Amino acid sequence: QVHLVESGGGLVQPGGSLRLSCVASGSITGIDDMAWYRQAPGKERELVAEITATGTTNYADSVKGRFTIYRDNAENTIYLQMNSLKPDDTAVYYCFAEVDLRYGEDSWGKGTLVTVSS
């Protein structure tokens, strides 16, 4: 099984920045794509950014130009650098790993809360 642990959430003022981290452990060789999702109160969980095994990235329109997803393979970690944060970015952010079925099931972290407020 693949296990994911997020960190880096907190309270930040509008216009500020945060960097979220997601450390993977377990059957890490089975991981293909990874992604960040978020869920705001009363809203559906939505895809924020994803990165493929080959390094291709995709972003939600709402965060393009402000957020960057990248990985550090040596530390089995992906990051989400969030700049120019807005109140609408307030949500619980979840790390996700697509896992080859030979190694287990797709995996979700427990989430880290990001609050953007004055």
Protein backbone atom coordinates (compact mmCIF):
# COMPACT_ATOMS: atom_id res chain seq x y z
CA GLN A 1 0.00 0.00 0.00
CA VAL A 2 0.99 3.62 -0.58
CA HIS A 3 0.67 6.07 2.32
CA LEU A 4 0.56 9.84 1.89
CA VAL A 5 1.11 12.52 4.53
CA GLU A 6 0.49 16.20 3.77
CA SER A 7 1.88 19.19 5.63
CA GLY A 8 2.25 22.94 5.22
CA GLY A 9 -1.29 24.19 5.62
CA GLY A 10 -2.20 27.11 7.83
CA LEU A 11 -3.57 30.64 7.96
CA VAL A 12 -2.31 33.15 5.41
CA GLN A 13 -3.41 36.63 4.36
CA PRO A 14 -4.74 37.34 0.86
CA GLY A 15 -1.83 37.79 -1.52
CA GLY A 16 0.42 35.60 0.58
CA SER A 17 2.12 32.29 -0.20
CA LEU A 18 2.27 28.76 1.19
CA ARG A 19 4.02 25.58 0.15
CA LEU A 20 2.31 22.26 0.74
CA SER A 21 4.28 19.01 0.97
CA CYS A 22 3.19 15.41 0.46
CA VAL A 23 5.51 12.58 1.48
CA ALA A 24 4.83 9.13 0.04
CA SER A 25 5.84 5.88 1.72
CA GLY A 26 5.17 2.18 1.30
CA SER A 27 5.05 0.78 -2.24
CA ILE A 28 6.33 3.96 -3.82
CA THR A 29 7.55 2.16 -6.93
CA GLY A 30 3.90 1.56 -7.81
CA ILE A 31 3.05 5.27 -8.02
CA ASP A 32 2.23 6.68 -11.45
CA ASP A 33 0.60 10.12 -11.48
CA MET A 34 0.19 12.30 -8.40
CA ALA A 35 -2.08 15.26 -7.78
CA TRP A 36 -3.40 17.84 -5.38
CA TYR A 37 -7.15 18.17 -4.83
CA ARG A 38 -9.07 20.56 -2.60
CA GLN A 39 -12.50 20.71 -1.02
CA ALA A 40 -14.08 23.88 0.32
CA PRO A 41 -17.03 23.83 2.75
CA GLY A 42 -20.22 22.94 0.90
CA LYS A 43 -18.36 22.28 -2.36
CA GLU A 44 -17.32 19.21 -4.32
CA ARG A 45 -13.74 18.04 -4.19
CA GLU A 46 -11.90 19.40 -7.22
CA LEU A 47 -8.61 18.75 -8.97
CA VAL A 48 -6.11 21.56 -8.43
CA ALA A 49 -2.92 20.29 -10.06
CA GLU A 50 -1.46 17.01 -11.24
CA ILE A 51 1.95 15.76 -12.32
CA THR A 52 2.54 12.61 -14.35
CA ALA A 53 5.33 10.09 -13.97
CA THR A 54 7.10 11.78 -16.89
CA GLY A 55 6.79 15.25 -15.38
CA THR A 56 3.88 16.68 -17.37
CA THR A 57 1.75 19.06 -15.31
CA ASN A 58 -1.87 20.21 -15.53
CA TYR A 59 -3.69 22.88 -13.54
CA ALA A 60 -7.21 23.97 -12.84
CA ASP A 61 -8.05 27.23 -14.61
CA SER A 62 -8.64 28.92 -11.27
CA VAL A 63 -5.02 28.44 -10.16
CA LYS A 64 -3.08 28.74 -13.42
CA GLY A 65 -0.24 31.22 -13.10
CA ARG A 66 -0.42 31.17 -9.29
CA PHE A 67 0.22 27.55 -8.24
CA THR A 68 3.07 25.21 -9.20
CA ILE A 69 3.26 21.45 -8.63
CA TYR A 70 6.66 19.77 -8.61
CA ARG A 71 8.38 16.70 -7.21
CA ASP A 72 11.56 15.67 -5.42
CA ASN A 73 12.06 12.03 -6.33
CA ALA A 74 14.98 11.59 -3.94
CA GLU A 75 12.67 12.35 -1.00
CA ASN A 76 9.52 10.74 -2.49
CA THR A 77 7.79 14.08 -2.08
CA ILE A 78 5.60 16.34 -4.17
CA TYR A 79 4.94 19.99 -3.46
CA LEU A 80 2.34 22.60 -4.24
CA GLN A 81 3.72 26.14 -4.23
CA MET A 82 0.78 28.53 -3.84
CA ASN A 83 1.27 32.24 -4.54
CA SER A 84 -1.09 35.21 -4.70
CA LEU A 85 -3.57 33.37 -2.51
CA LYS A 86 -7.20 34.42 -2.52
CA PRO A 87 -10.02 33.79 -0.01
CA ASP A 88 -11.58 31.43 -2.58
CA ASP A 89 -8.51 29.20 -2.20
CA THR A 90 -9.61 28.35 1.35
CA ALA A 91 -10.12 24.58 1.49
CA VAL A 92 -8.78 21.31 2.77
CA TYR A 93 -6.06 20.24 0.36
CA TYR A 94 -5.56 16.52 -0.30
CA CYS A 95 -2.65 14.67 -1.85
CA PHE A 96 -3.52 11.85 -4.27
CA ALA A 97 -1.46 9.07 -5.83
CA GLU A 98 -2.50 6.89 -8.75
CA VAL A 99 -1.08 3.45 -7.98
CA ASP A 100 -0.49 0.50 -10.30
CA LEU A 101 -2.88 -2.26 -9.21
CA ARG A 102 0.01 -4.70 -8.79
CA TYR A 103 1.14 -2.60 -5.83
CA GLY A 104 -2.18 -1.62 -4.28
CA GLU A 105 -5.02 0.86 -4.62
CA ASP A 106 -5.02 4.56 -5.37
CA SER A 107 -4.19 6.49 -2.22
CA TRP A 108 -5.40 9.69 -0.55
CA GLY A 109 -3.81 11.68 2.24
CA LYS A 110 -5.87 12.91 5.18
CA GLY A 111 -5.67 16.54 4.06
CA THR A 112 -4.23 19.81 5.32
CA LEU A 113 -6.31 22.94 5.89
CA VAL A 114 -5.46 26.18 4.10
CA THR A 115 -7.28 29.30 5.27
CA VAL A 116 -6.85 32.57 3.36
CA SER A 117 -8.26 35.44 5.38
CA SER A 118 -7.45 38.89 6.71
